Amino acid sequence: TRDFSERVDAALGTDGHFSRLVGLVLRSVLPTWF
């Protein structure tokens, strides 16, 4: 989730890396036709 990603970024000091990635991940979850 986005919340998980933001917490991981804070824990690992990854400067928003996972918060940026999660948008692509969640979009890929949508039905292929959508």
PDB file of all heavy atoms in Angstrom:
ATOM      1  N   THR A   1       0.846  -1.190   0.000  1.00  0.00           N
ATOM      2  CA  THR A   1       0.000   0.000   0.000  1.00  0.00           C
ATOM      3  C   THR A   1       0.883   1.242   0.000  1.00  0.00           C
ATOM      4  O   THR A   1       2.095   1.171   0.228  1.00  0.00           O
ATOM      5  CB  THR A   1      -0.902   0.032   1.236  1.00  0.00           C
ATOM      6  OG1 THR A   1      -0.070   0.148   2.407  1.00  0.00           O
ATOM      7  CG2 THR A   1      -1.761  -1.218   1.336  1.00  0.00           C
ATOM      8  N   ARG A   2       0.279   2.395  -0.222  1.00  0.00           N
ATOM      9  CA  ARG A   2       1.049   3.642  -0.156  1.00  0.00           C
ATOM     10  C   ARG A   2       1.533   3.901   1.269  1.00  0.00           C
ATOM     11  O   ARG A   2       2.661   4.337   1.478  1.00  0.00           O
ATOM     12  CB  ARG A   2       0.199   4.814  -0.664  1.00  0.00           C
ATOM     13  CG  ARG A   2       0.915   6.164  -0.579  1.00  0.00           C
ATOM     14  CD  ARG A   2       0.302   7.177  -1.475  1.00  0.00           C
ATOM     15  NE  ARG A   2       0.513   6.844  -2.881  1.00  0.00           N
ATOM     16  CZ  ARG A   2       1.624   7.097  -3.554  1.00  0.00           C
ATOM     17  NH1 ARG A   2       2.656   7.677  -2.959  1.00  0.00           N
ATOM     18  NH2 ARG A   2       1.731   6.774  -4.824  1.00  0.00           N
ATOM     19  N   ASP A   3       0.683   3.624   2.253  1.00  0.00           N
ATOM     20  CA  ASP A   3       1.084   3.833   3.637  1.00  0.00           C
ATOM     21  C   ASP A   3       2.307   2.975   3.988  1.00  0.00           C
ATOM     22  O   ASP A   3       3.264   3.439   4.606  1.00  0.00           O
ATOM     23  CB  ASP A   3      -0.076   3.511   4.577  1.00  0.00           C
ATOM     24  CG  ASP A   3       0.292   3.672   6.036  1.00  0.00           C
ATOM     25  OD1 ASP A   3       0.606   4.807   6.454  1.00  0.00           O
ATOM     26  OD2 ASP A   3       0.273   2.659   6.772  1.00  0.00           O
ATOM     27  N   PHE A   4       2.275   1.708   3.581  1.00  0.00           N
ATOM     28  CA  PHE A   4       3.398   0.809   3.808  1.00  0.00           C
ATOM     29  C   PHE A   4       4.661   1.373   3.156  1.00  0.00           C
ATOM     30  O   PHE A   4       5.746   1.374   3.756  1.00  0.00           O
ATOM     31  CB  PHE A   4       3.068  -0.573   3.241  1.00  0.00           C
ATOM     32  CG  PHE A   4       4.203  -1.565   3.257  1.00  0.00           C
ATOM     33  CD1 PHE A   4       4.432  -2.356   4.380  1.00  0.00           C
ATOM     34  CD2 PHE A   4       5.041  -1.714   2.161  1.00  0.00           C
ATOM     35  CE1 PHE A   4       5.487  -3.271   4.402  1.00  0.00           C
ATOM     36  CE2 PHE A   4       6.080  -2.630   2.169  1.00  0.00           C
ATOM     37  CZ  PHE A   4       6.305  -3.409   3.298  1.00  0.00           C
ATOM     38  N   SER A   5       4.534   1.835   1.926  1.00  0.00           N
ATOM     39  CA  SER A   5       5.681   2.345   1.173  1.00  0.00           C
ATOM     40  C   SER A   5       6.282   3.570   1.843  1.00  0.00           C
ATOM     41  O   SER A   5       7.514   3.721   1.908  1.00  0.00           O
ATOM     42  CB  SER A   5       5.254   2.676  -0.256  1.00  0.00           C
ATOM     43  OG  SER A   5       4.707   1.542  -0.891  1.00  0.00           O
ATOM     44  N   GLU A   6       5.440   4.449   2.344  1.00  0.00           N
ATOM     45  CA  GLU A   6       5.942   5.650   3.013  1.00  0.00           C
ATOM     46  C   GLU A   6       6.671   5.290   4.303  1.00  0.00           C
ATOM     47  O   GLU A   6       7.700   5.894   4.638  1.00  0.00           O
ATOM     48  CB  GLU A   6       4.781   6.611   3.284  1.00  0.00           C
ATOM     49  CG  GLU A   6       4.206   7.212   2.011  1.00  0.00           C
ATOM     50  CD  GLU A   6       2.936   8.017   2.250  1.00  0.00           C
ATOM     51  OE1 GLU A   6       2.407   7.963   3.391  1.00  0.00           O
ATOM     52  OE2 GLU A   6       2.478   8.704   1.313  1.00  0.00           O
ATOM     53  N   ARG A   7       6.155   4.290   5.017  1.00  0.00           N
ATOM     54  CA  ARG A   7       6.812   3.871   6.250  1.00  0.00           C
ATOM     55  C   ARG A   7       8.151   3.186   5.956  1.00  0.00           C
ATOM     56  O   ARG A   7       9.122   3.366   6.690  1.00  0.00           O
ATOM     57  CB  ARG A   7       5.886   2.952   7.053  1.00  0.00           C
ATOM     58  CG  ARG A   7       4.765   3.712   7.768  1.00  0.00           C
ATOM     59  CD  ARG A   7       3.920   2.832   8.649  1.00  0.00           C
ATOM     60  NE  ARG A   7       2.912   2.099   7.875  1.00  0.00           N
ATOM     61  CZ  ARG A   7       2.732   0.795   7.941  1.00  0.00           C
ATOM     62  NH1 ARG A   7       3.479   0.054   8.725  1.00  0.00           N
ATOM     63  NH2 ARG A   7       1.793   0.220   7.218  1.00  0.00           N
ATOM     64  N   VAL A   8       8.208   2.399   4.878  1.00  0.00           N
ATOM     65  CA  VAL A   8       9.467   1.765   4.495  1.00  0.00           C
ATOM     66  C   VAL A   8      10.493   2.816   4.084  1.00  0.00           C
ATOM     67  O   VAL A   8      11.674   2.726   4.453  1.00  0.00           O
ATOM     68  CB  VAL A   8       9.239   0.749   3.357  1.00  0.00           C
ATOM     69  CG1 VAL A   8      10.565   0.319   2.741  1.00  0.00           C
ATOM     70  CG2 VAL A   8       8.483  -0.462   3.880  1.00  0.00           C
ATOM     71  N   ASP A   9      10.063   3.826   3.337  1.00  0.00           N
ATOM     72  CA  ASP A   9      10.983   4.903   2.957  1.00  0.00           C
ATOM     73  C   ASP A   9      11.569   5.577   4.193  1.00  0.00           C
ATOM     74  O   ASP A   9      12.768   5.882   4.245  1.00  0.00           O
ATOM     75  CB  ASP A   9      10.256   5.945   2.099  1.00  0.00           C
ATOM     76  CG  ASP A   9      10.208   5.574   0.629  1.00  0.00           C
ATOM     77  OD1 ASP A   9      11.161   4.931   0.158  1.00  0.00           O
ATOM     78  OD2 ASP A   9       9.227   5.937  -0.042  1.00  0.00           O
ATOM     79  N   ALA A  10      10.712   5.813   5.182  1.00  0.00           N
ATOM     80  CA  ALA A  10      11.182   6.455   6.412  1.00  0.00           C
ATOM     81  C   ALA A  10      12.149   5.543   7.161  1.00  0.00           C
ATOM     82  O   ALA A  10      13.177   5.996   7.688  1.00  0.00           O
ATOM     83  CB  ALA A  10       9.990   6.820   7.296  1.00  0.00           C
ATOM     84  N   ALA A  11      11.840   4.245   7.200  1.00  0.00           N
ATOM     85  CA  ALA A  11      12.674   3.293   7.945  1.00  0.00           C
ATOM     86  C   ALA A  11      14.032   3.082   7.291  1.00  0.00           C
ATOM     87  O   ALA A  11      15.055   2.968   7.977  1.00  0.00           O
ATOM     88  CB  ALA A  11      11.934   1.963   8.074  1.00  0.00           C
ATOM     89  N   LEU A  12      14.052   3.022   5.956  1.00  0.00           N
ATOM     90  CA  LEU A  12      15.293   2.721   5.237  1.00  0.00           C
ATOM     91  C   LEU A  12      16.013   3.971   4.737  1.00  0.00           C
ATOM     92  O   LEU A  12      17.109   3.871   4.180  1.00  0.00           O
ATOM     93  CB  LEU A  12      14.999   1.789   4.056  1.00  0.00           C
ATOM     94  CG  LEU A  12      14.415   0.423   4.410  1.00  0.00           C
ATOM     95  CD1 LEU A  12      14.162  -0.392   3.138  1.00  0.00           C
ATOM     96  CD2 LEU A  12      15.341  -0.343   5.354  1.00  0.00           C
ATOM     97  N   GLY A  13      15.371   5.137   4.909  1.00  0.00           N
ATOM     98  CA  GLY A  13      15.990   6.371   4.435  1.00  0.00           C
ATOM     99  C   GLY A  13      16.177   6.390   2.938  1.00  0.00           C
ATOM    100  O   GLY A  13      17.219   6.815   2.427  1.00  0.00           O
ATOM    101  N   THR A  14      15.153   5.935   2.215  1.00  0.00           N
ATOM    102  CA  THR A  14      15.285   5.773   0.762  1.00  0.00           C
ATOM    103  C   THR A  14      14.708   6.947  -0.042  1.00  0.00           C
ATOM    104  O   THR A  14      14.454   6.820  -1.243  1.00  0.00           O
ATOM    105  CB  THR A  14      14.623   4.449   0.323  1.00  0.00           C
ATOM    106  OG1 THR A  14      13.377   4.265   1.002  1.00  0.00           O
ATOM    107  CG2 THR A  14      15.527   3.274   0.663  1.00  0.00           C
ATOM    108  N   ASP A  15      14.470   8.064   0.637  1.00  0.00           N
ATOM    109  CA  ASP A  15      14.154   9.319  -0.062  1.00  0.00           C
ATOM    110  C   ASP A  15      12.982   9.190  -1.036  1.00  0.00           C
ATOM    111  O   ASP A  15      13.033   9.646  -2.180  1.00  0.00           O
ATOM    112  CB  ASP A  15      15.389   9.822  -0.807  1.00  0.00           C
ATOM    113  CG  ASP A  15      15.233  11.254  -1.311  1.00  0.00           C
ATOM    114  OD1 ASP A  15      14.478  12.024  -0.683  1.00  0.00           O
ATOM    115  OD2 ASP A  15      15.846  11.595  -2.339  1.00  0.00           O
ATOM    116  N   GLY A  16      11.905   8.537  -0.595  1.00  0.00           N
ATOM    117  CA  GLY A  16      10.707   8.441  -1.420  1.00  0.00           C
ATOM    118  C   GLY A  16      10.744   7.401  -2.519  1.00  0.00           C
ATOM    119  O   GLY A  16       9.849   7.362  -3.368  1.00  0.00           O
ATOM    120  N   HIS A  17      11.762   6.563  -2.528  1.00  0.00           N
ATOM    121  CA  HIS A  17      11.915   5.562  -3.597  1.00  0.00           C
ATOM    122  C   HIS A  17      10.686   4.658  -3.701  1.00  0.00           C
ATOM    123  O   HIS A  17      10.104   4.487  -4.787  1.00  0.00           O
ATOM    124  CB  HIS A  17      13.165   4.730  -3.320  1.00  0.00           C
ATOM    125  CG  HIS A  17      13.431   3.658  -4.325  1.00  0.00           C
ATOM    126  ND1 HIS A  17      13.678   3.922  -5.656  1.00  0.00           N
ATOM    127  CD2 HIS A  17      13.507   2.295  -4.195  1.00  0.00           C
ATOM    128  CE1 HIS A  17      13.893   2.792  -6.305  1.00  0.00           C
ATOM    129  NE2 HIS A  17      13.791   1.782  -5.444  1.00  0.00           N
ATOM    130  N   PHE A  18      10.260   4.101  -2.585  1.00  0.00           N
ATOM    131  CA  PHE A  18       9.130   3.173  -2.615  1.00  0.00           C
ATOM    132  C   PHE A  18       7.795   3.912  -2.768  1.00  0.00           C
ATOM    133  O   PHE A  18       6.853   3.372  -3.348  1.00  0.00           O
ATOM    134  CB  PHE A  18       9.135   2.290  -1.364  1.00  0.00           C
ATOM    135  CG  PHE A  18      10.282   1.330  -1.326  1.00  0.00           C
ATOM    136  CD1 PHE A  18      11.403   1.588  -0.545  1.00  0.00           C
ATOM    137  CD2 PHE A  18      10.280   0.187  -2.111  1.00  0.00           C
ATOM    138  CE1 PHE A  18      12.485   0.723  -0.534  1.00  0.00           C
ATOM    139  CE2 PHE A  18      11.361  -0.687  -2.114  1.00  0.00           C
ATOM    140  CZ  PHE A  18      12.460  -0.428  -1.326  1.00  0.00           C
ATOM    141  N   SER A  19       7.728   5.128  -2.280  1.00  0.00           N
ATOM    142  CA  SER A  19       6.512   5.924  -2.462  1.00  0.00           C
ATOM    143  C   SER A  19       6.282   6.251  -3.928  1.00  0.00           C
ATOM    144  O   SER A  19       5.146   6.368  -4.384  1.00  0.00           O
ATOM    145  CB  SER A  19       6.598   7.221  -1.642  1.00  0.00           C
ATOM    146  OG  SER A  19       6.690   6.933  -0.264  1.00  0.00           O
ATOM    147  N   ARG A  20       7.386   6.390  -4.680  1.00  0.00           N
ATOM    148  CA  ARG A  20       7.253   6.615  -6.116  1.00  0.00           C
ATOM    149  C   ARG A  20       6.926   5.317  -6.844  1.00  0.00           C
ATOM    150  O   ARG A  20       6.107   5.294  -7.767  1.00  0.00           O
ATOM    151  CB  ARG A  20       8.534   7.243  -6.670  1.00  0.00           C
ATOM    152  CG  ARG A  20       8.770   8.676  -6.211  1.00  0.00           C
ATOM    153  CD  ARG A  20       9.939   9.311  -6.945  1.00  0.00           C
ATOM    154  NE  ARG A  20      11.212   8.689  -6.590  1.00  0.00           N
ATOM    155  CZ  ARG A  20      11.971   9.051  -5.556  1.00  0.00           C
ATOM    156  NH1 ARG A  20      11.572  10.025  -4.756  1.00  0.00           N
ATOM    157  NH2 ARG A  20      13.130   8.446  -5.325  1.00  0.00           N
ATOM    158  N   LEU A  21       7.546   4.240  -6.442  1.00  0.00           N
ATOM    159  CA  LEU A  21       7.300   2.959  -7.094  1.00  0.00           C
ATOM    160  C   LEU A  21       5.877   2.455  -6.910  1.00  0.00           C
ATOM    161  O   LEU A  21       5.308   1.819  -7.799  1.00  0.00           O
ATOM    162  CB  LEU A  21       8.267   1.901  -6.543  1.00  0.00           C
ATOM    163  CG  LEU A  21       9.665   1.814  -7.123  1.00  0.00           C
ATOM    164  CD1 LEU A  21      10.428   0.686  -6.453  1.00  0.00           C
ATOM    165  CD2 LEU A  21       9.605   1.586  -8.626  1.00  0.00           C
ATOM    166  N   VAL A  22       5.300   2.721  -5.737  1.00  0.00           N
ATOM    167  CA  VAL A  22       4.012   2.104  -5.421  1.00  0.00           C
ATOM    168  C   VAL A  22       2.911   2.569  -6.380  1.00  0.00           C
ATOM    169  O   VAL A  22       1.953   1.833  -6.638  1.00  0.00           O
ATOM    170  CB  VAL A  22       3.617   2.374  -3.951  1.00  0.00           C
ATOM    171  CG1 VAL A  22       3.137   3.820  -3.750  1.00  0.00           C
ATOM    172  CG2 VAL A  22       2.551   1.381  -3.492  1.00  0.00           C
ATOM    173  N   GLY A  23       3.038   3.767  -6.936  1.00  0.00           N
ATOM    174  CA  GLY A  23       2.041   4.218  -7.910  1.00  0.00           C
ATOM    175  C   GLY A  23       2.001   3.311  -9.123  1.00  0.00           C
ATOM    176  O   GLY A  23       0.928   2.950  -9.613  1.00  0.00           O
ATOM    177  N   LEU A  24       3.179   2.915  -9.617  1.00  0.00           N
ATOM    178  CA  LEU A  24       3.248   1.994 -10.751  1.00  0.00           C
ATOM    179  C   LEU A  24       2.706   0.625 -10.378  1.00  0.00           C
ATOM    180  O   LEU A  24       2.005  -0.023 -11.165  1.00  0.00           O
ATOM    181  CB  LEU A  24       4.695   1.863 -11.231  1.00  0.00           C
ATOM    182  CG  LEU A  24       5.343   3.116 -11.813  1.00  0.00           C
ATOM    183  CD1 LEU A  24       6.814   2.858 -12.122  1.00  0.00           C
ATOM    184  CD2 LEU A  24       4.613   3.558 -13.071  1.00  0.00           C
ATOM    185  N   VAL A  25       3.037   0.183  -9.169  1.00  0.00           N
ATOM    186  CA  VAL A  25       2.571  -1.125  -8.715  1.00  0.00           C
ATOM    187  C   VAL A  25       1.051  -1.156  -8.647  1.00  0.00           C
ATOM    188  O   VAL A  25       0.404  -2.088  -9.154  1.00  0.00           O
ATOM    189  CB  VAL A  25       3.163  -1.474  -7.330  1.00  0.00           C
ATOM    190  CG1 VAL A  25       2.531  -2.745  -6.780  1.00  0.00           C
ATOM    191  CG2 VAL A  25       4.677  -1.641  -7.434  1.00  0.00           C
ATOM    192  N   LEU A  26       0.462  -0.153  -8.022  1.00  0.00           N
ATOM    193  CA  LEU A  26      -0.991  -0.146  -7.856  1.00  0.00           C
ATOM    194  C   LEU A  26      -1.714   0.018  -9.191  1.00  0.00           C
ATOM    195  O   LEU A  26      -2.778  -0.551  -9.395  1.00  0.00           O
ATOM    196  CB  LEU A  26      -1.401   0.958  -6.880  1.00  0.00           C
ATOM    197  CG  LEU A  26      -0.976   0.707  -5.425  1.00  0.00           C
ATOM    198  CD1 LEU A  26      -1.267   1.922  -4.559  1.00  0.00           C
ATOM    199  CD2 LEU A  26      -1.666  -0.527  -4.860  1.00  0.00           C
ATOM    200  N   ARG A  27      -1.134   0.768 -10.100  1.00  0.00           N
ATOM    201  CA  ARG A  27      -1.764   0.894 -11.413  1.00  0.00           C
ATOM    202  C   ARG A  27      -1.760  -0.437 -12.152  1.00  0.00           C
ATOM    203  O   ARG A  27      -2.688  -0.769 -12.880  1.00  0.00           O
ATOM    204  CB  ARG A  27      -1.062   1.970 -12.241  1.00  0.00           C
ATOM    205  CG  ARG A  27      -1.779   2.266 -13.559  1.00  0.00           C
ATOM    206  CD  ARG A  27      -1.217   3.496 -14.228  1.00  0.00           C
ATOM    207  NE  ARG A  27      -1.461   4.682 -13.432  1.00  0.00           N
ATOM    208  CZ  ARG A  27      -0.974   5.891 -13.704  1.00  0.00           C
ATOM    209  NH1 ARG A  27      -0.196   6.070 -14.751  1.00  0.00           N
ATOM    210  NH2 ARG A  27      -1.248   6.916 -12.943  1.00  0.00           N
ATOM    211  N   SER A  28      -0.703  -1.234 -11.932  1.00  0.00           N
ATOM    212  CA  SER A  28      -0.621  -2.536 -12.596  1.00  0.00           C
ATOM    213  C   SER A  28      -1.655  -3.517 -12.058  1.00  0.00           C
ATOM    214  O   SER A  28      -1.935  -4.534 -12.689  1.00  0.00           O
ATOM    215  CB  SER A  28       0.784  -3.125 -12.442  1.00  0.00           C
ATOM    216  OG  SER A  28       1.031  -3.559 -11.109  1.00  0.00           O
ATOM    217  N   VAL A  29      -2.210  -3.227 -10.881  1.00  0.00           N
ATOM    218  CA  VAL A  29      -3.234  -4.082 -10.278  1.00  0.00           C
ATOM    219  C   VAL A  29      -4.580  -3.908 -10.975  1.00  0.00           C
ATOM    220  O   VAL A  29      -5.421  -4.806 -10.976  1.00  0.00           O
ATOM    221  CB  VAL A  29      -3.359  -3.768  -8.768  1.00  0.00           C
ATOM    222  CG1 VAL A  29      -4.570  -4.447  -8.151  1.00  0.00           C
ATOM    223  CG2 VAL A  29      -2.098  -4.200  -8.038  1.00  0.00           C
ATOM    224  N   LEU A  30      -4.779  -2.752 -11.576  1.00  0.00           N
ATOM    225  CA  LEU A  30      -6.044  -2.493 -12.262  1.00  0.00           C
ATOM    226  C   LEU A  30      -6.250  -3.494 -13.393  1.00  0.00           C
ATOM    227  O   LEU A  30      -5.275  -4.007 -13.950  1.00  0.00           O
ATOM    228  CB  LEU A  30      -6.044  -1.073 -12.839  1.00  0.00           C
ATOM    229  CG  LEU A  30      -5.984   0.073 -11.834  1.00  0.00           C
ATOM    230  CD1 LEU A  30      -5.714   1.393 -12.551  1.00  0.00           C
ATOM    231  CD2 LEU A  30      -7.271   0.164 -11.019  1.00  0.00           C
ATOM    232  N   PRO A  31      -7.513  -3.780 -13.754  1.00  0.00           N
ATOM    233  CA  PRO A  31      -7.750  -4.686 -14.886  1.00  0.00           C
ATOM    234  C   PRO A  31      -7.001  -4.215 -16.125  1.00  0.00           C
ATOM    235  O   PRO A  31      -6.918  -3.009 -16.389  1.00  0.00           O
ATOM    236  CB  PRO A  31      -9.266  -4.594 -15.087  1.00  0.00           C
ATOM    237  CG  PRO A  31      -9.805  -4.211 -13.746  1.00  0.00           C
ATOM    238  CD  PRO A  31      -8.759  -3.300 -13.148  1.00  0.00           C
ATOM    239  N   THR A  32      -6.459  -5.157 -16.869  1.00  0.00           N
ATOM    240  CA  THR A  32      -5.643  -4.822 -18.041  1.00  0.00           C
ATOM    241  C   THR A  32      -6.394  -3.913 -18.998  1.00  0.00           C
ATOM    242  O   THR A  32      -5.827  -2.943 -19.538  1.00  0.00           O
ATOM    243  CB  THR A  32      -5.216  -6.103 -18.773  1.00  0.00           C
ATOM    244  OG1 THR A  32      -4.506  -6.952 -17.861  1.00  0.00           O
ATOM    245  CG2 THR A  32      -4.321  -5.775 -19.950  1.00  0.00           C
ATOM    246  N   TRP A  33      -7.684  -4.175 -19.193  1.00  0.00           N
ATOM    247  CA  TRP A  33      -8.449  -3.379 -20.148  1.00  0.00           C
ATOM    248  C   TRP A  33      -8.712  -1.963 -19.628  1.00  0.00           C
ATOM    249  O   TRP A  33      -9.003  -1.051 -20.411  1.00  0.00           O
ATOM    250  CB  TRP A  33      -9.779  -4.065 -20.479  1.00  0.00           C
ATOM    251  CG  TRP A  33     -10.646  -4.384 -19.289  1.00  0.00           C
ATOM    252  CD1 TRP A  33     -10.700  -5.562 -18.609  1.00  0.00           C
ATOM    253  CD2 TRP A  33     -11.594  -3.519 -18.645  1.00  0.00           C
ATOM    254  NE1 TRP A  33     -11.605  -5.498 -17.576  1.00  0.00           N
ATOM    255  CE2 TRP A  33     -12.172  -4.258 -17.579  1.00  0.00           C
ATOM    256  CE3 TRP A  33     -12.022  -2.212 -18.866  1.00  0.00           C
ATOM    257  CZ2 TRP A  33     -13.145  -3.713 -16.726  1.00  0.00           C
ATOM    258  CZ3 TRP A  33     -12.987  -1.669 -18.030  1.00  0.00           C
ATOM    259  CH2 TRP A  33     -13.544  -2.409 -16.977  1.00  0.00           C
ATOM    260  N   PHE A  34      -8.582  -1.754 -18.306  1.00  0.00           N
ATOM    261  CA  PHE A  34      -8.854  -0.442 -17.727  1.00  0.00           C
ATOM    262  C   PHE A  34      -7.591   0.412 -17.615  1.00  0.00           C
ATOM    263  O   PHE A  34      -7.675   1.640 -17.540  1.00  0.00           O
ATOM    264  CB  PHE A  34      -9.476  -0.614 -16.342  1.00  0.00           C
ATOM    265  CG  PHE A  34      -9.920   0.676 -15.701  1.00  0.00           C
ATOM    266  CD1 PHE A  34     -11.081   1.308 -16.109  1.00  0.00           C
ATOM    267  CD2 PHE A  34      -9.172   1.266 -14.692  1.00  0.00           C
ATOM    268  CE1 PHE A  34     -11.493   2.502 -15.531  1.00  0.00           C
ATOM    269  CE2 PHE A  34      -9.574   2.454 -14.103  1.00  0.00           C
ATOM    270  CZ  PHE A  34     -10.744   3.072 -14.516  1.00  0.00           C
TER     271      PHE A  34
END
